[in-house]
Amino acid sequence: MRTSKANLGWTTKQENRMANFQAVVHARQEAKRELSTLRETVRILAEQRAQEKKEQDAGKDGQQHGHVNQPA
């Protein structure tokens, strides 16, 4: 059974398209993983910032109340 050159060209085009499609799928999966990691990092940083703000606010409240309670 002989294969024509035109048919070989078509197979190569199909293979290239499939390889490109697989590359796009892989890139999308990788991008989703990176986005998930980035979201997790942002969430952690936001929690840390909120905790630091709570501690700062508690420190400010303690200072304000401390001055009021001190004898003159």
N, C-alpha and C. Protein backbone atom coordinates (compact mmCIF):
# COMPACT_ATOMS: atom_id res chain seq x y z
N MET A 1 0.86 -1.18 0.00
CA MET A 1 0.00 0.00 0.00
C MET A 1 0.90 1.23 0.00
N ARG A 2 0.66 2.11 -0.96
CA ARG A 2 1.49 3.30 -1.10
C ARG A 2 0.76 4.50 -0.53
N THR A 3 1.53 5.40 0.04
CA THR A 3 0.97 6.63 0.59
C THR A 3 1.46 7.79 -0.25
N SER A 4 0.54 8.64 -0.66
CA SER A 4 0.95 9.78 -1.48
C SER A 4 1.60 10.85 -0.62
N LYS A 5 2.39 11.71 -1.26
CA LYS A 5 3.05 12.79 -0.54
C LYS A 5 2.01 13.77 0.02
N ALA A 6 0.93 13.97 -0.72
CA ALA A 6 -0.12 14.88 -0.25
C ALA A 6 -0.70 14.36 1.05
N ASN A 7 -0.91 13.04 1.12
CA ASN A 7 -1.45 12.44 2.33
C ASN A 7 -0.46 12.60 3.49
N LEU A 8 0.82 12.46 3.23
CA LEU A 8 1.83 12.64 4.27
C LEU A 8 1.79 14.08 4.78
N GLY A 9 1.61 15.03 3.88
CA GLY A 9 1.51 16.43 4.28
C GLY A 9 0.32 16.65 5.19
N TRP A 10 -0.79 16.03 4.88
CA TRP A 10 -2.00 16.17 5.69
C TRP A 10 -1.77 15.58 7.08
N THR A 11 -1.11 14.43 7.13
CA THR A 11 -0.82 13.80 8.42
C THR A 11 0.07 14.71 9.25
N THR A 12 1.06 15.30 8.63
CA THR A 12 1.95 16.20 9.35
C THR A 12 1.17 17.40 9.89
N LYS A 13 0.26 17.94 9.07
CA LYS A 13 -0.56 19.07 9.52
C LYS A 13 -1.43 18.65 10.71
N GLN A 14 -2.02 17.47 10.60
CA GLN A 14 -2.85 16.98 11.70
C GLN A 14 -2.01 16.80 12.96
N GLU A 15 -0.84 16.23 12.79
CA GLU A 15 0.04 16.02 13.94
C GLU A 15 0.45 17.35 14.56
N ASN A 16 0.75 18.32 13.72
CA ASN A 16 1.11 19.65 14.23
C ASN A 16 -0.05 20.29 14.98
N ARG A 17 -1.24 20.16 14.41
CA ARG A 17 -2.42 20.72 15.07
C ARG A 17 -2.65 20.04 16.42
N MET A 18 -2.50 18.72 16.44
CA MET A 18 -2.69 17.99 17.69
C MET A 18 -1.63 18.38 18.71
N ALA A 19 -0.39 18.52 18.26
CA ALA A 19 0.68 18.92 19.17
C ALA A 19 0.41 20.33 19.70
N ASN A 20 -0.04 21.22 18.83
CA ASN A 20 -0.36 22.58 19.26
C ASN A 20 -1.51 22.57 20.26
N PHE A 21 -2.53 21.78 19.98
CA PHE A 21 -3.67 21.68 20.88
C PHE A 21 -3.23 21.17 22.25
N GLN A 22 -2.41 20.12 22.25
CA GLN A 22 -1.92 19.57 23.51
C GLN A 22 -1.07 20.58 24.26
N ALA A 23 -0.30 21.37 23.53
CA ALA A 23 0.52 22.40 24.17
C ALA A 23 -0.37 23.46 24.81
N VAL A 24 -1.45 23.83 24.13
CA VAL A 24 -2.37 24.82 24.68
C VAL A 24 -3.06 24.27 25.93
N VAL A 25 -3.50 23.02 25.87
CA VAL A 25 -4.14 22.40 27.03
C VAL A 25 -3.18 22.37 28.21
N HIS A 26 -1.94 21.99 27.95
CA HIS A 26 -0.93 21.94 29.01
C HIS A 26 -0.69 23.34 29.59
N ALA A 27 -0.58 24.32 28.71
CA ALA A 27 -0.34 25.70 29.16
C ALA A 27 -1.51 26.21 30.01
N ARG A 28 -2.72 25.88 29.62
CA ARG A 28 -3.90 26.30 30.40
C ARG A 28 -3.90 25.64 31.77
N GLN A 29 -3.56 24.36 31.82
CA GLN A 29 -3.51 23.66 33.11
C GLN A 29 -2.45 24.29 34.01
N GLU A 30 -1.30 24.60 33.45
CA GLU A 30 -0.22 25.22 34.21
C GLU A 30 -0.65 26.61 34.70
N ALA A 31 -1.31 27.36 33.84
CA ALA A 31 -1.79 28.70 34.22
C ALA A 31 -2.81 28.61 35.35
N LYS A 32 -3.69 27.62 35.29
CA LYS A 32 -4.67 27.43 36.36
C LYS A 32 -3.98 27.12 37.69
N ARG A 33 -2.95 26.26 37.63
CA ARG A 33 -2.21 25.94 38.86
C ARG A 33 -1.53 27.19 39.42
N GLU A 34 -0.91 27.97 38.54
CA GLU A 34 -0.23 29.18 38.98
C GLU A 34 -1.22 30.19 39.56
N LEU A 35 -2.39 30.31 38.93
CA LEU A 35 -3.41 31.23 39.43
C LEU A 35 -3.90 30.78 40.80
N SER A 36 -4.08 29.49 40.97
CA SER A 36 -4.51 28.95 42.26
C SER A 36 -3.47 29.25 43.33
N THR A 37 -2.21 29.07 43.00
CA THR A 37 -1.12 29.36 43.94
C THR A 37 -1.10 30.84 44.29
N LEU A 38 -1.27 31.68 43.28
CA LEU A 38 -1.28 33.13 43.50
C LEU A 38 -2.45 33.54 44.39
N ARG A 39 -3.62 32.98 44.15
CA ARG A 39 -4.79 33.29 44.99
C ARG A 39 -4.55 32.88 46.43
N GLU A 40 -3.95 31.72 46.63
CA GLU A 40 -3.66 31.25 47.98
C GLU A 40 -2.66 32.19 48.67
N THR A 41 -1.66 32.63 47.92
CA THR A 41 -0.67 33.56 48.47
C THR A 41 -1.34 34.87 48.88
N VAL A 42 -2.20 35.39 48.02
CA VAL A 42 -2.91 36.64 48.32
C VAL A 42 -3.79 36.46 49.55
N ARG A 43 -4.46 35.32 49.66
CA ARG A 43 -5.33 35.06 50.82
C ARG A 43 -4.50 35.05 52.10
N ILE A 44 -3.36 34.38 52.07
CA ILE A 44 -2.50 34.30 53.26
C ILE A 44 -2.00 35.68 53.64
N LEU A 45 -1.55 36.45 52.65
CA LEU A 45 -1.06 37.81 52.94
C LEU A 45 -2.17 38.69 53.50
N ALA A 46 -3.38 38.55 52.98
CA ALA A 46 -4.51 39.34 53.49
C ALA A 46 -4.80 38.97 54.95
N GLU A 47 -4.74 37.68 55.27
CA GLU A 47 -4.95 37.25 56.66
C GLU A 47 -3.86 37.82 57.57
N GLN A 48 -2.62 37.78 57.10
CA GLN A 48 -1.52 38.32 57.90
C GLN A 48 -1.70 39.82 58.13
N ARG A 49 -2.08 40.53 57.07
CA ARG A 49 -2.28 41.98 57.19
C ARG A 49 -3.42 42.28 58.16
N ALA A 50 -4.50 41.51 58.08
CA ALA A 50 -5.63 41.72 58.98
C ALA A 50 -5.20 41.47 60.43
N GLN A 51 -4.41 40.43 60.65
CA GLN A 51 -3.93 40.12 62.00
C GLN A 51 -3.02 41.24 62.51
N GLU A 52 -2.12 41.73 61.65
CA GLU A 52 -1.23 42.83 62.06
C GLU A 52 -2.04 44.08 62.40
N LYS A 53 -3.08 44.35 61.60
CA LYS A 53 -3.91 45.52 61.86
C LYS A 53 -4.64 45.37 63.19
N LYS A 54 -5.14 44.16 63.47
CA LYS A 54 -5.79 43.91 64.76
C LYS A 54 -4.83 44.19 65.91
N GLU A 55 -3.60 43.70 65.76
CA GLU A 55 -2.61 43.89 66.82
C GLU A 55 -2.26 45.37 66.98
N GLN A 56 -2.15 46.09 65.87
CA GLN A 56 -1.87 47.53 65.94
C GLN A 56 -3.02 48.26 66.62
N ASP A 57 -4.24 47.92 66.22
CA ASP A 57 -5.42 48.56 66.81
C ASP A 57 -5.51 48.25 68.30
N ALA A 58 -5.21 47.02 68.68
CA ALA A 58 -5.23 46.64 70.09
C ALA A 58 -4.16 47.42 70.85
N GLY A 59 -3.00 47.60 70.24
CA GLY A 59 -1.93 48.37 70.86
C GLY A 59 -2.32 49.83 71.03
N LYS A 60 -2.97 50.40 70.04
CA LYS A 60 -3.42 51.80 70.13
C LYS A 60 -4.46 51.95 71.23
N ASP A 61 -5.40 51.01 71.28
CA ASP A 61 -6.43 51.06 72.32
C ASP A 61 -5.80 50.96 73.70
N GLY A 62 -4.82 50.08 73.84
CA GLY A 62 -4.13 49.92 75.11
C GLY A 62 -3.40 51.18 75.52
N GLN A 63 -2.78 51.86 74.58
CA GLN A 63 -2.07 53.11 74.88
C GLN A 63 -3.05 54.20 75.29
N GLN A 64 -4.15 54.30 74.57
CA GLN A 64 -5.13 55.34 74.87
C GLN A 64 -5.73 55.11 76.26
N HIS A 65 -6.10 53.88 76.54
CA HIS A 65 -6.69 53.58 77.85
C HIS A 65 -5.65 53.72 78.95
N GLY A 66 -4.41 53.38 78.63
CA GLY A 66 -3.35 53.49 79.61
C GLY A 66 -3.15 54.92 80.07
N HIS A 67 -3.23 55.89 79.18
CA HIS A 67 -3.06 57.29 79.55
C HIS A 67 -4.23 57.77 80.40
N VAL A 68 -5.41 57.29 80.09
CA VAL A 68 -6.59 57.72 80.84
C VAL A 68 -6.53 57.19 82.26
N ASN A 69 -6.05 55.97 82.44
CA ASN A 69 -6.05 55.35 83.76
C ASN A 69 -4.87 55.77 84.63
N GLN A 70 -3.89 56.47 84.07
CA GLN A 70 -2.74 56.88 84.86
C GLN A 70 -3.10 58.10 85.71
N PRO A 71 -2.61 58.12 86.94
CA PRO A 71 -2.90 59.29 87.78
C PRO A 71 -2.17 60.52 87.26
N ALA A 72 -2.77 61.66 87.43
CA ALA A 72 -2.19 62.91 86.93
C ALA A 72 -1.17 63.47 87.90
